[in-house]
N, C-alpha and C. Protein backbone atom coordinates (compact mmCIF):
# COMPACT_ATOMS: atom_id res chain seq x y z
N MET A 1 0.96 -1.05 -0.40
CA MET A 1 -0.02 -0.32 0.13
C MET A 1 0.83 1.29 0.22
N GLY A 2 0.40 2.15 -0.81
CA GLY A 2 0.89 3.50 -0.51
C GLY A 2 0.52 4.62 0.57
N SER A 3 1.29 5.23 0.73
CA SER A 3 1.58 5.83 2.14
C SER A 3 0.24 6.58 1.97
N SER A 4 -0.41 7.01 1.05
CA SER A 4 -1.83 7.77 1.30
C SER A 4 -3.24 6.45 1.16
N ASP A 5 -2.93 5.24 1.06
CA ASP A 5 -3.76 3.87 0.97
C ASP A 5 -3.99 3.78 2.59
N VAL A 6 -5.85 3.82 2.51
CA VAL A 6 -6.58 3.09 3.78
C VAL A 6 -7.20 1.87 3.60
N PHE A 7 -6.54 1.75 4.42
CA PHE A 7 -7.23 -0.03 4.68
C PHE A 7 -8.70 -0.14 5.30
N LEU A 8 -10.02 -0.30 4.56
CA LEU A 8 -11.12 -0.15 5.93
C LEU A 8 -11.55 -2.20 6.03
N ARG A 9 -11.72 -2.73 6.78
CA ARG A 9 -11.75 -3.67 7.32
C ARG A 9 -13.14 -4.36 6.54
N GLY A 10 -13.85 -4.91 5.57
CA GLY A 10 -14.71 -5.49 5.32
C GLY A 10 -15.44 -4.44 4.26
N VAL A 11 -14.42 -3.39 3.84
CA VAL A 11 -15.55 -2.64 2.67
C VAL A 11 -14.62 -3.30 1.67
N THR A 12 -15.15 -3.46 0.50
CA THR A 12 -15.24 -4.25 -0.87
C THR A 12 -15.34 -2.73 -2.01
N PRO A 13 -14.59 -3.22 -3.16
CA PRO A 13 -14.58 -2.44 -4.37
C PRO A 13 -16.23 -1.50 -4.90
N ARG A 14 -16.35 -0.01 -4.84
CA ARG A 14 -17.94 -0.14 -4.97
C ARG A 14 -17.32 0.22 -6.39
N SER A 15 -18.85 0.40 -6.88
CA SER A 15 -18.80 0.40 -8.90
C SER A 15 -19.43 1.57 -8.91
N ILE A 16 -18.49 2.39 -9.88
CA ILE A 16 -18.88 4.03 -10.01
C ILE A 16 -20.67 4.35 -10.09
N ILE A 17 -20.61 3.42 -11.18
CA ILE A 17 -22.32 3.26 -11.51
C ILE A 17 -23.47 3.10 -10.91
N ASP A 18 -23.01 2.61 -9.78
CA ASP A 18 -24.09 1.84 -8.53
C ASP A 18 -23.00 1.99 -7.54
N PRO A 19 -22.45 3.06 -6.57
CA PRO A 19 -21.52 2.82 -5.47
C PRO A 19 -22.11 2.74 -4.59
N ILE A 20 -23.75 2.31 -4.13
CA ILE A 20 -24.14 2.12 -2.95
C ILE A 20 -24.37 0.41 -3.09
N GLY A 21 -24.51 -0.12 -4.46
CA GLY A 21 -25.16 -1.30 -4.68
C GLY A 21 -26.74 -1.84 -4.32
N GLY A 22 -27.25 -0.39 -5.00
CA GLY A 22 -28.91 -0.62 -4.68
C GLY A 22 -29.11 -1.64 -5.65
N THR A 23 -28.94 -1.56 -6.88
CA THR A 23 -29.71 -2.41 -7.97
C THR A 23 -28.80 -4.35 -8.12
N GLU A 24 -29.80 -4.93 -8.73
CA GLU A 24 -29.52 -6.20 -8.28
C GLU A 24 -29.59 -6.95 -9.52
N ALA A 25 -28.37 -7.69 -9.59
CA ALA A 25 -28.57 -8.41 -11.16
C ALA A 25 -29.44 -9.54 -11.51
N ARG A 26 -30.16 -9.07 -12.54
CA ARG A 26 -31.41 -9.95 -12.56
C ARG A 26 -30.73 -10.82 -14.26
N PRO A 27 -30.26 -12.65 -13.80
CA PRO A 27 -30.42 -13.48 -14.66
C PRO A 27 -31.35 -13.33 -15.68
N ASN A 28 -30.86 -13.44 -17.52
CA ASN A 28 -31.86 -13.62 -18.06
C ASN A 28 -32.74 -12.61 -18.22
N GLN A 29 -32.40 -11.40 -17.76
CA GLN A 29 -32.80 -10.57 -19.01
C GLN A 29 -32.13 -9.89 -20.07
N GLU A 30 -33.08 -9.47 -21.22
CA GLU A 30 -32.55 -9.38 -22.66
C GLU A 30 -32.47 -7.68 -22.58
N VAL A 31 -31.30 -7.18 -22.37
CA VAL A 31 -30.98 -5.73 -22.74
C VAL A 31 -31.20 -5.19 -24.01
N ARG A 32 -32.07 -4.19 -24.34
CA ARG A 32 -31.78 -3.71 -25.94
C ARG A 32 -31.60 -2.42 -25.57
N ALA A 33 -30.36 -1.42 -26.32
CA ALA A 33 -30.31 -0.39 -26.28
C ALA A 33 -31.31 0.68 -27.19
N GLY A 34 -32.03 0.15 -27.87
CA GLY A 34 -33.06 0.79 -28.32
C GLY A 34 -33.23 -0.28 -29.73
N PRO A 35 -33.72 0.71 -30.47
CA PRO A 35 -34.32 0.41 -32.07
C PRO A 35 -32.71 -0.44 -33.10
N THR A 36 -33.15 -1.02 -33.71
CA THR A 36 -32.08 -1.73 -34.35
C THR A 36 -31.49 -0.58 -35.31
N PHE A 37 -30.49 -1.02 -36.27
CA PHE A 37 -30.27 -0.14 -37.75
C PHE A 37 -31.73 -0.51 -38.33
N ASP A 38 -31.96 -1.61 -38.60
CA ASP A 38 -32.92 -2.08 -39.79
C ASP A 38 -34.34 -1.73 -39.61
N GLU A 39 -34.77 -1.88 -38.15
CA GLU A 39 -36.13 -0.84 -37.57
C GLU A 39 -36.23 0.41 -37.57
N ILE A 40 -34.81 1.56 -37.76
CA ILE A 40 -34.94 2.82 -37.44
C ILE A 40 -35.37 3.03 -39.21
N LEU A 41 -34.20 2.25 -40.23
CA LEU A 41 -34.74 2.38 -41.79
C LEU A 41 -35.87 2.14 -42.03
N GLU A 42 -36.59 0.94 -41.71
CA GLU A 42 -37.68 0.83 -41.97
C GLU A 42 -39.12 1.43 -41.51
N ALA A 43 -38.63 2.56 -40.76
CA ALA A 43 -39.59 3.84 -39.49
C ALA A 43 -40.44 2.82 -38.97
N ARG A 44 -40.16 1.40 -38.16
CA ARG A 44 -41.14 1.07 -37.29
C ARG A 44 -40.94 1.50 -35.89
N LEU A 45 -40.84 2.85 -35.61
CA LEU A 45 -40.94 3.56 -35.00
C LEU A 45 -42.54 4.47 -34.39
N PRO A 46 -42.42 5.03 -33.46
CA PRO A 46 -43.78 5.75 -33.22
C PRO A 46 -44.64 6.86 -33.61
N ALA A 47 -45.68 7.32 -33.83
CA ALA A 47 -46.26 8.15 -34.26
C ALA A 47 -45.55 9.86 -35.41
N GLY A 48 -45.55 9.48 -36.07
CA GLY A 48 -45.08 10.90 -36.63
C GLY A 48 -43.60 10.29 -37.69
N THR A 49 -43.99 8.98 -37.78
CA THR A 49 -42.83 8.34 -38.63
C THR A 49 -42.22 9.08 -39.77
N VAL A 50 -40.99 8.50 -39.96
CA VAL A 50 -40.31 8.56 -41.34
C VAL A 50 -40.30 7.61 -42.17
N VAL A 51 -40.93 7.55 -43.26
CA VAL A 51 -40.40 6.39 -44.28
C VAL A 51 -39.07 6.47 -44.72
N VAL A 52 -38.29 5.49 -45.17
CA VAL A 52 -37.30 5.69 -45.73
C VAL A 52 -37.12 4.83 -47.02
N SER A 53 -37.11 4.91 -48.22
CA SER A 53 -37.50 4.27 -49.58
C SER A 53 -35.95 3.72 -49.33
N ALA A 54 -36.58 2.45 -50.45
CA ALA A 54 -35.30 1.31 -50.84
C ALA A 54 -33.93 2.37 -51.39
N HIS A 55 -34.53 2.96 -52.44
CA HIS A 55 -33.35 3.57 -52.87
C HIS A 55 -32.17 4.95 -51.60
N ALA A 56 -33.32 5.18 -50.78
CA ALA A 56 -32.49 6.04 -49.88
C ALA A 56 -31.76 5.18 -49.17
N LYS A 57 -32.32 4.15 -48.58
CA LYS A 57 -32.10 3.09 -47.55
C LYS A 57 -30.94 2.45 -48.28
N ALA A 58 -30.30 2.49 -49.59
CA ALA A 58 -29.28 1.67 -50.00
C ALA A 58 -28.30 2.77 -50.08
N ALA A 59 -28.59 4.03 -50.54
CA ALA A 59 -27.34 5.12 -50.70
C ALA A 59 -26.50 5.16 -48.90
N LEU A 60 -27.55 5.20 -47.63
CA LEU A 60 -27.57 5.54 -46.66
C LEU A 60 -26.30 4.22 -46.26
N GLU A 61 -26.61 2.74 -46.36
CA GLU A 61 -26.15 2.15 -46.18
C GLU A 61 -24.71 2.17 -46.83
N VAL A 62 -24.11 2.43 -48.17
CA VAL A 62 -23.31 2.49 -48.84
C VAL A 62 -21.94 3.41 -48.34
N SER A 63 -22.91 4.63 -47.87
CA SER A 63 -22.07 5.71 -47.61
C SER A 63 -21.42 5.44 -45.92
N GLY A 64 -22.24 4.16 -45.41
CA GLY A 64 -22.35 4.12 -43.81
C GLY A 64 -22.90 5.24 -42.98
N ILE A 65 -23.60 5.37 -43.19
CA ILE A 65 -24.73 6.51 -42.68
C ILE A 65 -25.63 5.76 -41.68
N GLU A 66 -25.50 5.78 -40.20
CA GLU A 66 -26.51 5.60 -39.71
C GLU A 66 -27.41 6.25 -38.71
N LEU A 67 -28.84 6.25 -38.85
CA LEU A 67 -29.75 7.08 -38.51
C LEU A 67 -30.14 6.70 -37.28
N SER A 68 -30.00 7.65 -36.39
CA SER A 68 -30.15 7.43 -34.54
C SER A 68 -31.50 7.76 -34.84
N PRO A 69 -32.72 7.51 -33.76
CA PRO A 69 -34.29 7.88 -33.76
C PRO A 69 -34.20 9.38 -33.17
N MET A 70 -33.55 10.03 -33.06
CA MET A 70 -32.68 11.63 -32.93
C MET A 70 -32.73 12.07 -34.23
N ASP A 71 -31.89 11.48 -34.97
CA ASP A 71 -31.62 11.58 -36.64
C ASP A 71 -32.91 12.08 -36.91
N LEU A 72 -33.92 11.16 -36.94
CA LEU A 72 -35.34 10.61 -37.73
C LEU A 72 -36.36 11.37 -37.18
N ASP A 73 -36.00 11.78 -36.07
CA ASP A 73 -36.77 13.01 -35.15
C ASP A 73 -36.84 14.30 -35.70
N ARG A 74 -35.56 14.59 -35.91
CA ARG A 74 -35.41 15.99 -36.80
C ARG A 74 -35.66 15.88 -38.18
N ILE A 75 -35.44 14.79 -38.88
CA ILE A 75 -35.62 14.54 -40.18
C ILE A 75 -37.37 14.83 -40.32
N GLY A 76 -38.17 14.31 -39.26
CA GLY A 76 -39.65 14.34 -39.17
C GLY A 76 -39.90 15.88 -38.92
N LYS A 77 -39.87 16.34 -37.83
CA LYS A 77 -39.51 17.89 -37.92
C LYS A 77 -39.20 18.96 -38.75
N GLY A 78 -38.34 18.32 -39.87
CA GLY A 78 -37.71 19.27 -41.10
C GLY A 78 -39.31 18.97 -41.90
N ILE A 79 -39.76 17.80 -41.96
CA ILE A 79 -40.53 17.45 -43.63
C ILE A 79 -42.14 18.37 -42.98
N ASP A 80 -41.95 18.25 -41.34
CA ASP A 80 -43.01 19.02 -40.99
C ASP A 80 -43.39 20.58 -40.79
N GLN A 81 -42.12 21.29 -41.07
CA GLN A 81 -41.82 22.57 -41.35
C GLN A 81 -41.74 22.84 -42.71
N LEU A 82 -41.55 22.14 -43.87
CA LEU A 82 -41.51 22.31 -45.13
C LEU A 82 -42.90 22.06 -45.72
N GLY A 83 -44.03 21.11 -44.77
CA GLY A 83 -45.32 21.14 -44.92
C GLY A 83 -45.50 22.09 -44.97
N ASP A 84 -45.60 22.99 -43.76
CA ASP A 84 -46.43 24.08 -43.19
C ASP A 84 -45.65 25.08 -44.35
N ALA A 85 -44.94 25.08 -44.60
CA ALA A 85 -44.39 26.46 -45.22
C ALA A 85 -44.88 26.37 -47.05
N GLY A 86 -45.43 24.90 -47.33
CA GLY A 86 -46.73 25.00 -48.35
C GLY A 86 -45.94 23.53 -49.45
N GLY A 87 -44.35 22.94 -48.88
CA GLY A 87 -43.49 22.52 -49.59
C GLY A 87 -43.99 21.21 -50.13
N GLN A 88 -43.34 20.45 -51.08
CA GLN A 88 -44.11 19.03 -51.53
C GLN A 88 -42.78 18.36 -51.20
N GLU A 89 -41.71 18.71 -52.28
CA GLU A 89 -40.98 17.87 -52.56
C GLU A 89 -39.85 18.69 -52.05
N GLY A 90 -39.09 17.90 -50.76
CA GLY A 90 -37.94 19.16 -50.17
C GLY A 90 -36.72 18.30 -50.20
N LEU A 91 -35.86 19.48 -49.02
CA LEU A 91 -34.41 19.13 -48.90
C LEU A 91 -34.34 19.38 -47.63
N LEU A 92 -33.68 18.61 -47.46
CA LEU A 92 -33.18 18.74 -45.47
C LEU A 92 -31.76 18.12 -45.83
N ILE A 93 -31.00 18.98 -45.44
CA ILE A 93 -29.41 19.00 -45.32
C ILE A 93 -29.11 19.24 -43.64
N SER A 94 -28.43 17.98 -43.08
CA SER A 94 -27.94 17.78 -41.56
C SER A 94 -27.01 17.72 -42.04
N GLU A 95 -25.57 17.49 -40.42
CA GLU A 95 -24.83 17.30 -40.42
C GLU A 95 -24.39 15.72 -41.10
N LYS A 96 -24.78 15.09 -41.31
CA LYS A 96 -24.72 13.88 -41.53
C LYS A 96 -24.52 13.57 -43.40
N ALA A 97 -26.13 14.18 -44.04
CA ALA A 97 -26.64 14.01 -45.53
C ALA A 97 -27.48 14.74 -45.66
N ALA A 98 -27.87 14.92 -47.14
CA ALA A 98 -28.91 15.69 -47.31
C ALA A 98 -29.79 14.55 -47.66
N PHE A 99 -31.18 14.80 -47.74
CA PHE A 99 -32.16 14.16 -47.82
C PHE A 99 -32.95 14.91 -48.71
N ALA A 100 -33.50 14.59 -50.11
CA ALA A 100 -34.50 14.15 -50.31
C ALA A 100 -35.92 13.69 -49.89
N VAL A 101 -36.76 14.62 -49.70
CA VAL A 101 -38.22 14.15 -49.01
C VAL A 101 -39.54 14.32 -49.36
N ARG A 102 -40.00 13.63 -49.40
CA ARG A 102 -41.51 14.16 -50.23
C ARG A 102 -42.01 14.34 -49.07
N VAL A 103 -43.09 15.13 -48.88
CA VAL A 103 -43.62 15.75 -47.74
C VAL A 103 -45.15 14.84 -47.73
N SER A 104 -46.09 14.55 -48.95
CA SER A 104 -47.23 14.27 -48.52
C SER A 104 -47.12 12.81 -48.19
N ASP A 105 -46.07 12.15 -48.01
CA ASP A 105 -46.25 10.64 -47.63
C ASP A 105 -44.92 10.82 -46.31
N ARG A 106 -44.40 11.88 -46.35
CA ARG A 106 -43.09 11.54 -45.69
C ARG A 106 -41.93 10.78 -45.51
N THR A 107 -41.76 10.16 -46.43
CA THR A 107 -40.70 10.27 -47.03
C THR A 107 -39.34 10.48 -47.58
N ILE A 108 -38.21 9.88 -47.12
CA ILE A 108 -37.08 10.20 -47.60
C ILE A 108 -36.72 9.53 -49.11
N THR A 109 -36.77 10.09 -50.01
CA THR A 109 -36.55 9.37 -51.57
C THR A 109 -35.19 9.09 -51.87
N ALA A 110 -34.19 10.44 -51.41
CA ALA A 110 -33.20 9.80 -51.53
C ALA A 110 -32.06 10.39 -50.41
N ALA A 111 -30.81 10.07 -50.41
CA ALA A 111 -29.58 10.56 -49.63
C ALA A 111 -28.67 10.47 -50.13
N THR A 112 -27.22 11.59 -49.70
CA THR A 112 -26.64 11.98 -50.34
C THR A 112 -25.63 12.20 -48.84
N ALA A 113 -24.45 11.67 -48.68
CA ALA A 113 -23.61 11.78 -47.55
C ALA A 113 -23.39 13.51 -47.71
N ARG A 114 -22.95 13.91 -46.85
CA ARG A 114 -22.84 15.13 -46.46
C ARG A 114 -21.44 16.14 -47.09
N GLU A 115 -20.86 14.67 -47.27
CA GLU A 115 -19.19 15.26 -48.22
C GLU A 115 -19.69 15.32 -49.79
N GLU A 116 -20.35 14.86 -50.13
CA GLU A 116 -20.55 14.46 -51.77
C GLU A 116 -21.83 15.82 -51.72
N VAL A 117 -22.26 16.33 -51.01
CA VAL A 117 -23.46 17.24 -51.61
C VAL A 117 -23.08 18.51 -52.54
N LYS A 118 -21.90 19.07 -52.43
CA LYS A 118 -21.35 20.24 -52.45
C LYS A 118 -20.80 19.91 -54.20
N ASP A 119 -21.46 18.67 -54.76
CA ASP A 119 -20.79 18.12 -56.22
C ASP A 119 -22.18 17.63 -56.47
N SER A 120 -23.46 17.93 -55.90
CA SER A 120 -24.50 17.04 -56.72
C SER A 120 -25.67 18.26 -56.83
N VAL A 121 -26.27 17.63 -58.17
CA VAL A 121 -27.46 18.13 -58.14
C VAL A 121 -28.82 17.96 -57.99
N PHE A 122 -29.45 18.98 -57.12
CA PHE A 122 -31.02 18.19 -56.68
C PHE A 122 -31.47 18.80 -57.53
N THR A 123 -32.81 17.98 -58.50
CA THR A 123 -33.50 18.50 -59.25
C THR A 123 -35.46 18.52 -58.53
N ASP A 124 -36.23 19.03 -58.83
CA ASP A 124 -37.14 18.24 -58.62
C ASP A 124 -37.61 18.68 -57.04
N ILE A 125 -37.29 20.08 -56.30
CA ILE A 125 -37.01 20.47 -55.48
C ILE A 125 -38.31 21.78 -55.02
N ASP A 126 -38.90 21.87 -54.20
CA ASP A 126 -39.28 23.34 -54.15
C ASP A 126 -39.47 23.55 -53.07
N SER A 127 -38.36 23.13 -51.56
CA SER A 127 -37.79 23.98 -50.61
C SER A 127 -36.87 22.85 -50.56
N ALA A 128 -36.18 23.84 -49.59
CA ALA A 128 -34.98 23.22 -48.53
C ALA A 128 -35.04 24.12 -47.57
N LEU A 129 -34.71 23.07 -46.26
CA LEU A 129 -33.72 23.17 -44.99
C LEU A 129 -33.23 23.07 -44.26
N LEU A 130 -32.01 22.98 -43.35
CA LEU A 130 -31.17 23.02 -42.92
C LEU A 130 -31.05 22.44 -41.73
N ILE A 131 -31.24 21.06 -41.49
CA ILE A 131 -31.67 20.90 -39.49
C ILE A 131 -31.02 20.35 -38.65
N ASP A 132 -29.39 21.03 -39.19
CA ASP A 132 -28.39 21.04 -38.24
C ASP A 132 -28.23 20.51 -36.58
């Protein structure tokens, strides 16, 4: 032991997460951190969901972009804003990617990684919104 170490009899090391040992271990408990990537891309989420087309899903997978529930929420709010402004076919630009969306059925029709946006041409878009 070092000069500043103190030995306390009967004291065991404690967890930083649970310092008083109040939680009990539950065997055979299934731990799930949240929706899976496939569930997110298939938009099997609560009301106000965003549908991801097969084309957009493939583009996201090729680019290695995963959309979190928070990302989908921001996209959904962006679609709402586009709809409120009268948009029908919009472009949402986030820090990860640019998404072409069809407002009427809340569908992401195309996706392009943010690094590739500067070289891309988007057509048939009547509104755009930054959702960073």
